C-alpha atoms as a PDB file:
ATOM      1  CA  MET A   1      24.486 -97.478-147.110  1.00  0.00           C
ATOM      2  CA  GLU A   2      27.704 -97.023-149.042  1.00  0.00           C
ATOM      3  CA  ALA A   3      30.619 -99.268-148.198  1.00  0.00           C
ATOM      4  CA  GLU A   4      33.971 -97.533-147.734  1.00  0.00           C
ATOM      5  CA  PRO A   5      36.507 -98.783-150.276  1.00  0.00           C
ATOM      6  CA  ALA A   6      39.607-100.604-149.155  1.00  0.00           C
ATOM      7  CA  LEU A   7      42.547-101.009-151.518  1.00  0.00           C
ATOM      8  CA  ASP A   8      43.505-104.446-150.298  1.00  0.00           C
ATOM      9  CA  VAL A   9      44.014-105.706-153.839  1.00  0.00           C
ATOM     10  CA  ALA A  10      47.460-107.075-154.638  1.00  0.00           C
ATOM     11  CA  ARG A  11      49.651-104.610-156.501  1.00  0.00           C
ATOM     12  CA  SER A  12      50.027-107.000-159.414  1.00  0.00           C
ATOM     13  CA  ASP A  13      46.219-107.201-159.714  1.00  0.00           C
ATOM     14  CA  LEU A  14      45.983-103.440-159.408  1.00  0.00           C
ATOM     15  CA  PHE A  15      48.427-102.958-162.274  1.00  0.00           C
ATOM     16  CA  ARG A  16      46.471-105.485-164.338  1.00  0.00           C
ATOM     17  CA  LEU A  17      43.180-103.677-163.667  1.00  0.00           C
ATOM     18  CA  LEU A  18      44.624-100.313-164.596  1.00  0.00           C
ATOM     19  CA  ALA A  19      46.284-101.577-167.776  1.00  0.00           C
ATOM     20  CA  ASP A  20      42.953-101.474-169.624  1.00  0.00           C
ATOM     21  CA  PRO A  21      42.411 -98.058-171.326  1.00  0.00           C
ATOM     22  CA  ALA A  22      38.617 -98.372-171.022  1.00  0.00           C
ATOM     23  CA  ARG A  23      38.893 -98.789-167.241  1.00  0.00           C
ATOM     24  CA  LEU A  24      41.176 -95.764-167.023  1.00  0.00           C
ATOM     25  CA  ARG A  25      38.621 -93.655-168.874  1.00  0.00           C
ATOM     26  CA  LEU A  26      35.812 -95.012-166.684  1.00  0.00           C
ATOM     27  CA  LEU A  27      37.736 -94.082-163.527  1.00  0.00           C
ATOM     28  CA  ALA A  28      38.492 -90.640-164.893  1.00  0.00           C
ATOM     29  CA  LEU A  29      34.836 -89.945-165.758  1.00  0.00           C
ATOM     30  CA  ALA A  30      33.656 -91.185-162.353  1.00  0.00           C
ATOM     31  CA  SER A  31      36.201 -88.906-160.669  1.00  0.00           C
ATOM     32  CA  ALA A  32      34.812 -85.900-162.577  1.00  0.00           C
ATOM     33  CA  GLU A  33      31.153 -86.550-161.706  1.00  0.00           C
ATOM     34  CA  GLU A  34      28.946 -89.259-160.192  1.00  0.00           C
ATOM     35  CA  LEU A  35      27.541 -90.952-163.296  1.00  0.00           C
ATOM     36  CA  ALA A  36      25.070 -93.715-164.010  1.00  0.00           C
ATOM     37  CA  VAL A  37      26.417 -96.819-165.730  1.00  0.00           C
ATOM     38  CA  GLY A  38      24.267 -96.001-168.762  1.00  0.00           C
ATOM     39  CA  GLU A  39      25.684 -92.480-168.901  1.00  0.00           C
ATOM     40  CA  VAL A  40      29.227 -93.849-168.794  1.00  0.00           C
ATOM     41  CA  ALA A  41      28.398 -96.302-171.570  1.00  0.00           C
ATOM     42  CA  GLU A  42      26.998 -93.444-173.666  1.00  0.00           C
ATOM     43  CA  LEU A  43      30.127 -91.330-173.115  1.00  0.00           C
ATOM     44  CA  LEU A  44      32.533 -94.185-173.863  1.00  0.00           C
ATOM     45  CA  GLY A  45      30.525 -95.546-176.779  1.00  0.00           C
ATOM     46  CA  GLU A  46      30.651 -99.009-175.199  1.00  0.00           C
ATOM     47  CA  ALA A  47      27.951-101.615-174.672  1.00  0.00           C
ATOM     48  CA  LEU A  48      26.244-101.431-171.284  1.00  0.00           C
ATOM     49  CA  PRO A  49      27.195-105.018-170.216  1.00  0.00           C
ATOM     50  CA  LYS A  50      30.860-104.341-170.970  1.00  0.00           C
ATOM     51  CA  VAL A  51      30.883-101.147-168.890  1.00  0.00           C
ATOM     52  CA  SER A  52      29.092-102.997-166.084  1.00  0.00           C
ATOM     53  CA  ARG A  53      31.794-105.690-166.073  1.00  0.00           C
ATOM     54  CA  HIS A  54      34.569-103.083-165.956  1.00  0.00           C
ATOM     55  CA  ALA A  55      32.755-101.240-163.149  1.00  0.00           C
ATOM     56  CA  ALA A  56      32.303-104.448-161.146  1.00  0.00           C
ATOM     57  CA  ALA A  57      36.004-105.243-161.337  1.00  0.00           C
ATOM     58  CA  LEU A  58      36.976-101.728-160.253  1.00  0.00           C
ATOM     59  CA  ARG A  59      34.374-101.732-157.488  1.00  0.00           C
ATOM     60  CA  ASP A  60      35.642-105.043-156.096  1.00  0.00           C
ATOM     61  CA  ALA A  61      39.123-103.508-155.905  1.00  0.00           C
ATOM     62  CA  GLY A  62      37.841-100.461-154.003  1.00  0.00           C
ATOM     63  CA  LEU A  63      38.435 -98.109-156.926  1.00  0.00           C
ATOM     64  CA  LEU A  64      34.748 -97.278-157.458  1.00  0.00           C
ATOM     65  CA  ILE A  65      31.724 -96.830-155.232  1.00  0.00           C
ATOM     66  CA  ALA A  66      28.373 -97.900-156.663  1.00  0.00           C
ATOM     67  CA  ARG A  67      25.106 -96.400-155.396  1.00  0.00           C
ATOM     68  CA  ARG A  68      21.680 -97.714-156.385  1.00  0.00           C
ATOM     69  CA  GLN A  69      18.855 -95.336-157.313  1.00  0.00           C
ATOM     70  CA  GLY A  70      15.938 -97.462-158.431  1.00  0.00           C
ATOM     71  CA  THR A  71      17.052 -99.057-161.706  1.00  0.00           C
ATOM     72  CA  TRP A  72      20.110 -96.797-161.899  1.00  0.00           C
ATOM     73  CA  THR A  73      23.568 -97.695-160.635  1.00  0.00           C
ATOM     74  CA  LEU A  74      25.626 -94.559-160.020  1.00  0.00           C
ATOM     75  CA  LEU A  75      29.418 -94.712-159.993  1.00  0.00           C
ATOM     76  CA  ARG A  76      31.985 -92.423-158.442  1.00  0.00           C
ATOM     77  CA  THR A  77      35.696 -92.640-157.715  1.00  0.00           C
ATOM     78  CA  PRO A  78      36.169 -92.268-153.953  1.00  0.00           C
ATOM     79  CA  PRO A  79      38.735 -89.738-152.664  1.00  0.00           C
ATOM     80  CA  GLU A  80      40.305 -92.469-150.523  1.00  0.00           C
ATOM     81  CA  ALA A  81      41.308 -94.433-153.620  1.00  0.00           C
ATOM     82  CA  LEU A  82      42.905 -91.363-155.189  1.00  0.00           C
ATOM     83  CA  ARG A  83      45.341 -91.155-152.288  1.00  0.00           C
ATOM     84  CA  ASP A  84      47.078 -94.213-153.728  1.00  0.00           C
ATOM     85  CA  PRO A  85      49.797 -92.813-156.049  1.00  0.00           C
ATOM     86  CA  VAL A  86      49.316 -95.585-158.607  1.00  0.00           C
ATOM     87  CA  VAL A  87      45.571 -94.945-158.788  1.00  0.00           C
ATOM     88  CA  ALA A  88      46.065 -91.172-158.895  1.00  0.00           C
ATOM     89  CA  ASP A  89      48.508 -91.554-161.779  1.00  0.00           C
ATOM     90  CA  ALA A  90      46.084 -93.846-163.598  1.00  0.00           C
ATOM     91  CA  VAL A  91      43.230 -91.336-163.185  1.00  0.00           C
ATOM     92  CA  ARG A  92      45.433 -88.548-164.544  1.00  0.00           C
ATOM     93  CA  ALA A  93      46.207 -90.702-167.573  1.00  0.00           C
ATOM     94  CA  GLY A  94      42.522 -91.498-167.995  1.00  0.00           C
ATOM     95  CA  ARG A  95      41.596 -87.810-167.768  1.00  0.00           C
ATOM     96  CA  ALA A  96      44.176 -86.976-170.439  1.00  0.00           C
ATOM     97  CA  ALA A  97      42.716 -89.653-172.715  1.00  0.00           C
ATOM     98  CA  CYS A  98      39.157 -88.428-172.030  1.00  0.00           C
ATOM     99  CA  ALA A  99      40.145 -84.825-172.679  1.00  0.00           C
ATOM    100  CA  GLN A 100      41.780 -85.767-175.965  1.00  0.00           C
ATOM    101  CA  ALA A 101      38.639 -87.620-177.024  1.00  0.00           C
ATOM    102  CA  GLY A 102      36.383 -84.722-175.911  1.00  0.00           C
ATOM    103  CA  LEU A 103      34.662 -86.847-173.263  1.00  0.00           C
ATOM    104  CA  LEU A 104      35.199 -84.538-170.274  1.00  0.00           C
ATOM    105  CA  GLN A 105      33.549 -81.708-172.153  1.00  0.00           C
ATOM    106  CA  ARG A 106      30.516 -83.938-172.756  1.00  0.00           C
ATOM    107  CA  VAL A 107      30.033 -84.838-169.081  1.00  0.00           C
ATOM    108  CA  GLU A 108      28.279 -81.544-168.388  1.00  0.00           C
ATOM    109  CA  ALA A 109      25.872 -82.137-171.266  1.00  0.00           C
ATOM    110  CA  VAL A 110      25.122 -85.670-170.059  1.00  0.00           C
ATOM    111  CA  VAL A 111      24.391 -84.390-166.548  1.00  0.00           C
ATOM    112  CA  ALA A 112      22.211 -81.577-167.925  1.00  0.00           C
ATOM    113  CA  ALA A 113      20.205 -84.134-169.910  1.00  0.00           C
ATOM    114  CA  ARG A 114      19.056 -85.710-166.645  1.00  0.00           C
ATOM    115  CA  ASP A 115      16.515 -82.967-166.041  1.00  0.00           C
ATOM    116  CA  ALA A 116      15.590 -82.384-169.684  1.00  0.00           C
ATOM    117  CA  ARG A 117      12.517 -84.583-169.243  1.00  0.00           C
ATOM    118  CA  THR A 118      11.654 -82.655-166.066  1.00  0.00           C
ATOM    119  CA  ARG A 119      11.751 -79.359-167.930  1.00  0.00           C
ATOM    120  CA  GLU A 120       9.647 -80.755-170.755  1.00  0.00           C
ATOM    121  CA  PHE A 121       7.179 -82.247-168.255  1.00  0.00           C
ATOM    122  CA  PHE A 122       6.552 -78.945-166.493  1.00  0.00           C
ATOM    123  CA  ALA A 123       6.404 -77.075-169.802  1.00  0.00           C
ATOM    124  CA  ARG A 124       3.761 -79.334-171.369  1.00  0.00           C
ATOM    125  CA  THR A 125       1.751 -80.398-168.296  1.00  0.00           C
ATOM    126  CA  PRO A 126      -1.144 -78.008-167.739  1.00  0.00           C
ATOM    127  CA  PRO A 127      -0.880 -76.385-164.299  1.00  0.00           C
ATOM    128  CA  ARG A 128      -3.292 -78.034-161.918  1.00  0.00           C
ATOM    129  CA  ALA A 129      -6.015 -75.969-160.357  1.00  0.00           C
ATOM    130  CA  THR A 130      -4.814 -73.680-157.599  1.00  0.00           C
ATOM    131  CA  ALA A 131      -4.967 -75.684-154.394  1.00  0.00           C
ATOM    132  CA  SER A 132      -7.196 -74.185-151.750  1.00  0.00           C
ATOM    133  CA  ILE A 133      -6.727 -73.999-147.998  1.00  0.00           C
ATOM    134  CA  PRO A 134      -9.187 -72.859-145.335  1.00  0.00           C
ATOM    135  CA  GLY A 135      -9.728 -69.205-146.146  1.00  0.00           C
ATOM    136  CA  ASP A 136      -8.896 -67.913-142.679  1.00  0.00           C
ATOM    137  CA  VAL A 137      -5.522 -69.682-142.285  1.00  0.00           C
ATOM    138  CA  PRO A 138      -3.505 -66.735-143.658  1.00  0.00           C
ATOM    139  CA  ALA A 139      -5.288 -64.486-141.178  1.00  0.00           C
ATOM    140  CA  HIS A 140      -4.221 -66.781-138.339  1.00  0.00           C
ATOM    141  CA  LEU A 141      -0.629 -66.724-139.564  1.00  0.00           C
ATOM    142  CA  ALA A 142      -0.648 -62.945-139.914  1.00  0.00           C
ATOM    143  CA  ALA A 143      -1.871 -62.698-136.332  1.00  0.00           C
ATOM    144  CA  ILE A 144       0.933 -64.971-135.085  1.00  0.00           C
ATOM    145  CA  ALA A 145       3.679 -63.359-137.176  1.00  0.00           C
ATOM    146  CA  PRO A 146       4.596 -60.464-134.825  1.00  0.00           C
ATOM    147  CA  THR A 147       5.494 -62.964-132.092  1.00  0.00           C
ATOM    148  CA  LEU A 148       8.178 -64.629-134.233  1.00  0.00           C
ATOM    149  CA  ASP A 149      11.809 -63.496-134.471  1.00  0.00           C
ATOM    150  CA  ARG A 150      13.702 -62.629-137.659  1.00  0.00           C
ATOM    151  CA  ARG A 151      10.942 -62.722-140.234  1.00  0.00           C
ATOM    152  CA  GLN A 152      12.202 -60.200-142.759  1.00  0.00           C
ATOM    153  CA  LEU A 153      12.967 -62.292-145.856  1.00  0.00           C
ATOM    154  CA  ALA A 154      12.109 -65.788-147.049  1.00  0.00           C
ATOM    155  CA  VAL A 155      12.951 -67.477-150.348  1.00  0.00           C
ATOM    156  CA  ASP A 156      10.535 -70.056-151.780  1.00  0.00           C
ATOM    157  CA  VAL A 157      12.479 -72.176-154.274  1.00  0.00           C
ATOM    158  CA  GLY A 158      10.383 -74.220-156.691  1.00  0.00           C
ATOM    159  CA  THR A 159       7.280 -72.277-155.711  1.00  0.00           C
ATOM    160  CA  GLY A 160       5.141 -73.979-158.378  1.00  0.00           C
ATOM    161  CA  ASP A 161       1.587 -72.655-158.081  1.00  0.00           C
ATOM    162  CA  GLY A 162       2.578 -70.718-154.975  1.00  0.00           C
ATOM    163  CA  ALA A 163       1.030 -73.018-152.370  1.00  0.00           C
ATOM    164  CA  ALA A 164       3.843 -72.372-149.868  1.00  0.00           C
ATOM    165  CA  LEU A 165       3.215 -68.636-150.185  1.00  0.00           C
ATOM    166  CA  GLU A 166       0.022 -69.181-148.209  1.00  0.00           C
ATOM    167  CA  VAL A 167       2.323 -69.795-145.230  1.00  0.00           C
ATOM    168  CA  LEU A 168       5.343 -67.639-146.045  1.00  0.00           C
ATOM    169  CA  ALA A 169       3.664 -64.426-147.238  1.00  0.00           C
ATOM    170  CA  PRO A 170       1.730 -63.781-143.992  1.00  0.00           C
ATOM    171  CA  LEU A 171       4.809 -64.510-141.845  1.00  0.00           C
ATOM    172  CA  PHE A 172       7.579 -62.644-143.680  1.00  0.00           C
ATOM    173  CA  ALA A 173       7.865 -58.993-144.666  1.00  0.00           C
ATOM    174  CA  ARG A 174       9.272 -60.016-148.056  1.00  0.00           C
ATOM    175  CA  VAL A 175       9.292 -63.260-150.041  1.00  0.00           C
ATOM    176  CA  VAL A 176      11.255 -64.043-153.189  1.00  0.00           C
ATOM    177  CA  ALA A 177       9.457 -66.920-154.935  1.00  0.00           C
ATOM    178  CA  VAL A 178      11.251 -68.611-157.820  1.00  0.00           C
ATOM    179  CA  ASP A 179      10.455 -71.361-160.299  1.00  0.00           C
ATOM    180  CA  ARG A 180      11.932 -72.242-163.680  1.00  0.00           C
ATOM    181  CA  SER A 181       8.488 -72.792-165.199  1.00  0.00           C
ATOM    182  CA  ARG A 182       6.784 -69.684-166.577  1.00  0.00           C
ATOM    183  CA  GLU A 183       3.452 -71.483-166.472  1.00  0.00           C
ATOM    184  CA  ARG A 184       3.787 -72.184-162.734  1.00  0.00           C
ATOM    185  CA  ILE A 185       4.891 -68.619-161.980  1.00  0.00           C
ATOM    186  CA  ALA A 186       1.851 -67.327-163.850  1.00  0.00           C
ATOM    187  CA  GLN A 187      -0.342 -69.490-161.666  1.00  0.00           C
ATOM    188  CA  ALA A 188       1.456 -68.331-158.511  1.00  0.00           C
ATOM    189  CA  ARG A 189       0.875 -64.725-159.611  1.00  0.00           C
ATOM    190  CA  GLU A 190      -2.868 -65.391-159.779  1.00  0.00           C
ATOM    191  CA  ARG A 191      -2.750 -66.682-156.202  1.00  0.00           C
ATOM    192  CA  VAL A 192      -0.750 -63.689-154.967  1.00  0.00           C
ATOM    193  CA  GLN A 193      -3.114 -61.246-156.634  1.00  0.00           C
ATOM    194  CA  ALA A 194      -6.217 -63.039-155.367  1.00  0.00           C
ATOM    195  CA  ARG A 195      -4.890 -63.001-151.797  1.00  0.00           C
ATOM    196  CA  GLY A 196      -3.541 -59.479-151.995  1.00  0.00           C
ATOM    197  CA  TYR A 197      -0.132 -60.511-150.670  1.00  0.00           C
ATOM    198  CA  ASP A 198       2.298 -57.603-150.479  1.00  0.00           C
ATOM    199  CA  GLY A 199       6.060 -57.989-150.590  1.00  0.00           C
ATOM    200  CA  VAL A 200       6.129 -61.097-152.824  1.00  0.00           C
ATOM    201  CA  GLU A 201       8.529 -61.022-155.771  1.00  0.00           C
ATOM    202  CA  LEU A 202       7.903 -63.738-158.354  1.00  0.00           C
ATOM    203  CA  MET A 203      10.618 -64.681-160.821  1.00  0.00           C
ATOM    204  CA  VAL A 204      11.499 -67.284-163.439  1.00  0.00           C
ATOM    205  CA  ALA A 205      15.083 -68.352-162.733  1.00  0.00           C
ATOM    206  CA  GLU A 206      17.390 -71.254-161.976  1.00  0.00           C
ATOM    207  CA  VAL A 207      18.249 -72.082-158.374  1.00  0.00           C
ATOM    208  CA  ASP A 208      21.966 -71.663-159.079  1.00  0.00           C
ATOM    209  CA  GLY A 209      21.580 -68.682-161.402  1.00  0.00           C
ATOM    210  CA  ALA A 210      22.992 -65.193-160.894  1.00  0.00           C
ATOM    211  CA  GLU A 211      19.546 -63.610-161.285  1.00  0.00           C
ATOM    212  CA  LEU A 212      18.215 -65.303-158.138  1.00  0.00           C
ATOM    213  CA  ARG A 213      21.349 -64.472-156.151  1.00  0.00           C
ATOM    214  CA  GLU A 214      21.030 -60.821-157.163  1.00  0.00           C
ATOM    215  CA  ALA A 215      17.336 -60.694-156.232  1.00  0.00           C
ATOM    216  CA  VAL A 216      17.989 -62.183-152.791  1.00  0.00           C
ATOM    217  CA  ALA A 217      21.003 -59.918-152.188  1.00  0.00           C
ATOM    218  CA  THR A 218      18.932 -56.849-153.064  1.00  0.00           C
ATOM    219  CA  ALA A 219      15.989 -57.910-150.908  1.00  0.00           C
ATOM    220  CA  ALA A 220      18.238 -58.870-147.972  1.00  0.00           C
ATOM    221  CA  GLY A 221      20.311 -55.687-147.930  1.00  0.00           C
ATOM    222  CA  ASP A 222      22.807 -55.642-145.060  1.00  0.00           C
ATOM    223  CA  ALA A 223      21.495 -58.955-143.655  1.00  0.00           C
ATOM    224  CA  GLY A 224      23.626 -60.864-146.164  1.00  0.00           C
ATOM    225  CA  GLY A 225      20.926 -63.329-147.199  1.00  0.00           C
ATOM    226  CA  ALA A 226      17.492 -64.707-146.372  1.00  0.00           C
ATOM    227  CA  ASP A 227      16.282 -65.578-142.891  1.00  0.00           C
ATOM    228  CA  LEU A 228      14.681 -68.701-144.368  1.00  0.00           C
ATOM    229  CA  VAL A 229      15.219 -70.555-147.637  1.00  0.00           C
ATOM    230  CA  PHE A 230      12.522 -73.157-148.275  1.00  0.00           C
ATOM    231  CA  ALA A 231      12.743 -75.759-151.050  1.00  0.00           C
ATOM    232  CA  GLY A 232       9.703 -77.993-151.316  1.00  0.00           C
ATOM    233  CA  ARG A 233      10.323 -81.183-153.304  1.00  0.00           C
ATOM    234  CA  VAL A 234      12.970 -79.613-155.521  1.00  0.00           C
ATOM    235  CA  LEU A 235      16.116 -81.720-155.138  1.00  0.00           C
ATOM    236  CA  HIS A 236      14.712 -84.839-156.793  1.00  0.00           C
ATOM    237  CA  HIS A 237      14.384 -82.803-160.014  1.00  0.00           C
ATOM    238  CA  ALA A 238      17.957 -81.426-159.842  1.00  0.00           C
ATOM    239  CA  ALA A 239      20.588 -82.767-162.233  1.00  0.00           C
ATOM    240  CA  VAL A 240      23.192 -82.649-159.427  1.00  0.00           C
ATOM    241  CA  PRO A 241      21.392 -82.435-156.050  1.00  0.00           C
ATOM    242  CA  ALA A 242      24.524 -81.569-154.036  1.00  0.00           C
ATOM    243  CA  LYS A 243      25.205 -78.615-156.342  1.00  0.00           C
ATOM    244  CA  ALA A 244      21.602 -77.435-156.017  1.00  0.00           C
ATOM    245  CA  LEU A 245      21.779 -77.637-152.228  1.00  0.00           C
ATOM    246  CA  ARG A 246      25.010 -75.615-152.212  1.00  0.00           C
ATOM    247  CA  ALA A 247      23.208 -72.946-154.243  1.00  0.00           C
ATOM    248  CA  LEU A 248      20.334 -72.963-151.735  1.00  0.00           C
ATOM    249  CA  ALA A 249      22.736 -72.650-148.802  1.00  0.00           C
ATOM    250  CA  ALA A 250      24.441 -69.662-150.432  1.00  0.00           C
ATOM    251  CA  LEU A 251      21.137 -67.733-150.238  1.00  0.00           C
ATOM    252  CA  VAL A 252      20.893 -68.078-146.438  1.00  0.00           C
ATOM    253  CA  ARG A 253      22.149 -65.274-144.188  1.00  0.00           C
ATOM    254  CA  PRO A 254      24.579 -66.084-141.346  1.00  0.00           C
ATOM    255  CA  GLY A 255      22.419 -67.593-138.616  1.00  0.00           C
ATOM    256  CA  GLY A 256      19.532 -68.178-141.043  1.00  0.00           C
ATOM    257  CA  ALA A 257      17.872 -71.503-141.831  1.00  0.00           C
ATOM    258  CA  LEU A 258      17.494 -73.796-144.822  1.00  0.00           C
ATOM    259  CA  VAL A 259      14.459 -76.091-144.886  1.00  0.00           C
ATOM    260  CA  VAL A 260      14.225 -78.796-147.576  1.00  0.00           C
ATOM    261  CA  LEU A 261      11.126 -80.953-147.974  1.00  0.00           C
ATOM    262  CA  GLU A 262      11.951 -84.142-149.871  1.00  0.00           C
ATOM    263  CA  TYR A 263      11.088 -87.792-150.416  1.00  0.00           C
ATOM    264  CA  ASP A 264      12.888 -90.500-148.517  1.00  0.00           C
ATOM    265  CA  THR A 265      14.555 -93.083-150.742  1.00  0.00           C
ATOM    266  CA  HIS A 266      12.062 -95.278-152.579  1.00  0.00           C
ATOM    267  CA  GLU A 267      11.895 -97.783-155.437  1.00  0.00           C
ATOM    268  CA  ASP A 268       8.911 -96.440-157.373  1.00  0.00           C
ATOM    269  CA  ALA A 269      10.513 -95.918-160.777  1.00  0.00           C
ATOM    270  CA  ARG A 270       7.099 -94.874-162.138  1.00  0.00           C
ATOM    271  CA  MET A 271       7.799 -91.426-160.678  1.00  0.00           C
ATOM    272  CA  ARG A 272      10.463 -90.976-163.357  1.00  0.00           C
ATOM    273  CA  ASP A 273       7.988 -91.762-166.128  1.00  0.00           C
ATOM    274  CA  GLU A 274       4.881 -90.099-164.695  1.00  0.00           C
ATOM    275  CA  GLN A 275       6.342 -87.083-162.848  1.00  0.00           C
ATOM    276  CA  ALA A 276       9.724 -86.665-164.625  1.00  0.00           C
ATOM    277  CA  ASP A 277      11.620 -87.199-161.355  1.00  0.00           C
ATOM    278  CA  VAL A 278      15.370 -87.571-161.795  1.00  0.00           C
ATOM    279  CA  TRP A 279      16.140 -89.096-158.376  1.00  0.00           C
ATOM    280  CA  LEU A 280      14.153 -91.586-156.325  1.00  0.00           C
ATOM    281  CA  GLY A 281      14.420 -89.700-153.056  1.00  0.00           C
ATOM    282  CA  PHE A 282      17.264 -89.220-150.593  1.00  0.00           C
ATOM    283  CA  SER A 283      18.079 -90.897-147.299  1.00  0.00           C
ATOM    284  CA  ALA A 284      18.458 -88.830-144.142  1.00  0.00           C
ATOM    285  CA  SER A 285      22.211 -89.434-144.182  1.00  0.00           C
ATOM    286  CA  GLU A 286      22.466 -88.239-147.801  1.00  0.00           C
ATOM    287  CA  LEU A 287      20.604 -85.019-147.003  1.00  0.00           C
ATOM    288  CA  THR A 288      22.647 -84.236-143.897  1.00  0.00           C
ATOM    289  CA  ALA A 289      25.903 -85.011-145.735  1.00  0.00           C
ATOM    290  CA  MET A 290      24.950 -82.609-148.553  1.00  0.00           C
ATOM    291  CA  ALA A 291      24.045 -79.915-146.002  1.00  0.00           C
ATOM    292  CA  GLU A 292      27.341 -80.294-144.170  1.00  0.00           C
ATOM    293  CA  GLU A 293      29.286 -80.279-147.441  1.00  0.00           C
ATOM    294  CA  ALA A 294      27.502 -76.995-148.263  1.00  0.00           C
ATOM    295  CA  GLY A 295      28.888 -75.469-145.067  1.00  0.00           C
ATOM    296  CA  LEU A 296      25.700 -75.659-142.995  1.00  0.00           C
ATOM    297  CA  GLU A 297      25.506 -76.788-139.383  1.00  0.00           C
ATOM    298  CA  ALA A 298      23.001 -78.384-136.996  1.00  0.00           C
ATOM    299  CA  ALA A 299      21.560 -80.432-139.870  1.00  0.00           C
ATOM    300  CA  SER A 300      18.730 -82.748-138.873  1.00  0.00           C
ATOM    301  CA  VAL A 301      16.095 -84.741-140.747  1.00  0.00           C
ATOM    302  CA  GLN A 302      12.591 -85.447-139.465  1.00  0.00           C
ATOM    303  CA  ALA A 303      10.015 -87.799-140.983  1.00  0.00           C
ATOM    304  CA  LEU A 304       6.588 -86.319-141.697  1.00  0.00           C
ATOM    305  CA  PRO A 305       3.311 -88.047-140.782  1.00  0.00           C
ATOM    306  CA  PRO A 306       1.368 -89.594-143.689  1.00  0.00           C
ATOM    307  CA  GLY A 307      -1.588 -87.287-143.062  1.00  0.00           C
ATOM    308  CA  LEU A 308       0.449 -84.257-144.139  1.00  0.00           C
ATOM    309  CA  ARG A 309       1.224 -85.514-147.654  1.00  0.00           C
ATOM    310  CA  GLY A 310      -1.879 -84.218-149.393  1.00  0.00           C
ATOM    311  CA  GLU A 311      -3.668 -85.996-152.226  1.00  0.00           C
ATOM    312  CA  GLY A 312      -1.116 -85.752-155.046  1.00  0.00           C
ATOM    313  CA  PRO A 313       0.490 -88.562-157.064  1.00  0.00           C
ATOM    314  CA  ASP A 314       3.351 -88.712-154.535  1.00  0.00           C
ATOM    315  CA  ARG A 315       1.197 -89.226-151.450  1.00  0.00           C
ATOM    316  CA  HIS A 316       2.255 -92.887-151.196  1.00  0.00           C
ATOM    317  CA  LEU A 317       5.928 -91.980-150.707  1.00  0.00           C
ATOM    318  CA  LEU A 318       7.652 -91.276-147.414  1.00  0.00           C
ATOM    319  CA  TRP A 319       8.360 -87.572-146.921  1.00  0.00           C
ATOM    320  CA  HIS A 320      10.921 -86.008-144.612  1.00  0.00           C
ATOM    321  CA  VAL A 321      12.330 -82.567-143.961  1.00  0.00           C
ATOM    322  CA  LEU A 322      15.922 -81.379-143.655  1.00  0.00           C
ATOM    323  CA  ARG A 323      16.610 -78.388-141.409  1.00  0.00           C
ATOM    324  CA  ALA A 324      20.036 -76.773-141.183  1.00  0.00           C
ATOM    325  CA  ARG A 325      21.559 -73.392-140.392  1.00  0.00           C
ATOM    326  CA  ARG A 326      24.291 -71.267-141.860  1.00  0.00           C
ATOM    327  CA  PRO A 327      26.883 -70.654-139.118  1.00  0.00           C
ATOM    328  CA  ALA A 328      26.605 -67.267-137.466  1.00  0.00           C
ATOM    329  CA  PRO A 329      29.774 -65.233-136.873  1.00  0.00           C
ATOM    330  CA  PRO A 330      31.179 -65.655-133.350  1.00  0.00           C
ATOM    331  CA  PRO A 331      30.227 -62.904-130.882  1.00  0.00           C
ATOM    332  CA  LEU A 332      32.709 -60.073-130.516  1.00  0.00           C
ATOM    333  CA  ALA A 333      34.707 -59.714-127.357  1.00  0.00           C
ATOM    334  CA  GLU A 334      33.749 -56.711-125.257  1.00  0.00           C
ATOM    335  CA  GLY A 335      35.210 -53.529-126.753  1.00  0.00           C
ATOM    336  CA  ALA A 336      36.181 -55.224-130.026  1.00  0.00           C
ATOM    337  CA  HIS A 337      35.043 -54.033-133.441  1.00  0.00           C
ATOM    338  CA  ARG A 338      34.198 -56.294-136.332  1.00  0.00           C
ATOM    339  CA  PHE A 339      35.848 -55.460-139.650  1.00  0.00           C
ATOM    340  CA  GLU A 340      33.212 -54.805-142.275  1.00  0.00           C
ATOM    341  CA  PRO A 341      34.405 -54.952-145.922  1.00  0.00           C
ATOM    342  CA  ASN A 342      33.122 -52.440-148.408  1.00  0.00           C
ATOM    343  CA  PRO A 343      29.717 -53.588-149.654  1.00  0.00           C
ATOM    344  CA  ILE A 344      29.588 -54.964-153.163  1.00  0.00           C
ATOM    345  CA  SER A 345      27.350 -53.029-155.473  1.00  0.00           C
ATOM    346  CA  ILE A 346      25.004 -55.412-157.278  1.00  0.00           C
ATOM    347  CA  GLN A 347      23.200 -54.297-160.397  1.00  0.00           C
ATOM    348  CA  ARG A 348      19.883 -55.983-160.955  1.00  0.00           C
ATOM    349  CA  THR A 349      19.530 -57.743-164.287  1.00  0.00           C
ATOM    350  CA  PRO A 350      17.000 -55.859-166.444  1.00  0.00           C
ATOM    351  CA  ARG A 351      13.857 -57.847-167.061  1.00  0.00           C
END
């Protein structure tokens, strides 16, 4: 649980803290993006112990918030601290110094490097054999489907070998399934062809890329997005999870649902080495906060029973699921007419 900062430090001590150029640059970087201590040290070209000492002093004064993720310590400058005019002025000075040294431009590259190992892992790891389920389960789902409301379009983000399609394809008229690994999409295509699923569009794309947004917009038509966006164990591979969740939320139609299956917070750092995970899970409060920041409502998190975790290398972790909805427009008063803007013409990217 993060502690809220309190600037109860004496002004003389505050001025002393902010007189160090290295601390100003550290504050500026942490205000641009939540960064690990090691990432800050890399950007500043300083030794890790020195950066840790600077961070500790700033944290004690309420100028930084530190969050543990396994062996990582992540730093960010809290908005509350920036309301202090002295701190705000110091951060502006630090940003100017970072910009002059080219550090702000490098932050994006440092963040992108977080998932470089993930990309390499999925590129070099042979796809596992297509998981099987009882052969008649899709038939059961297809039989149930007509009794369910709003089942026109689903998006399966991080589809992998297409296991979730065994549930989504029988229930929804159309499914857009996306993964950034060509090898996994090829395996998902084998599953789709073997099952004879109609209405499934498979694509290699990024979750926050224009190509996926265009595909969903085309498939959704006037609905304005998908009825359901499902992301199964995706966020812990994202360089910036909050950004990824905002991209997921943007695919949901008004009144539609986002469902995110993820790990609860854990301390098994082996998952970084063995499965190329970037983050060691997320607490329920972290998931709901990200959903609310993305403009979703009715966010709730439910723990899943151990028996539902399968037999994979992550079966020992605690799993939970975030469910949230995109707010629906308020109902019109009787006799009123809703203004509808001219639809935007979207051209599909040639493949």
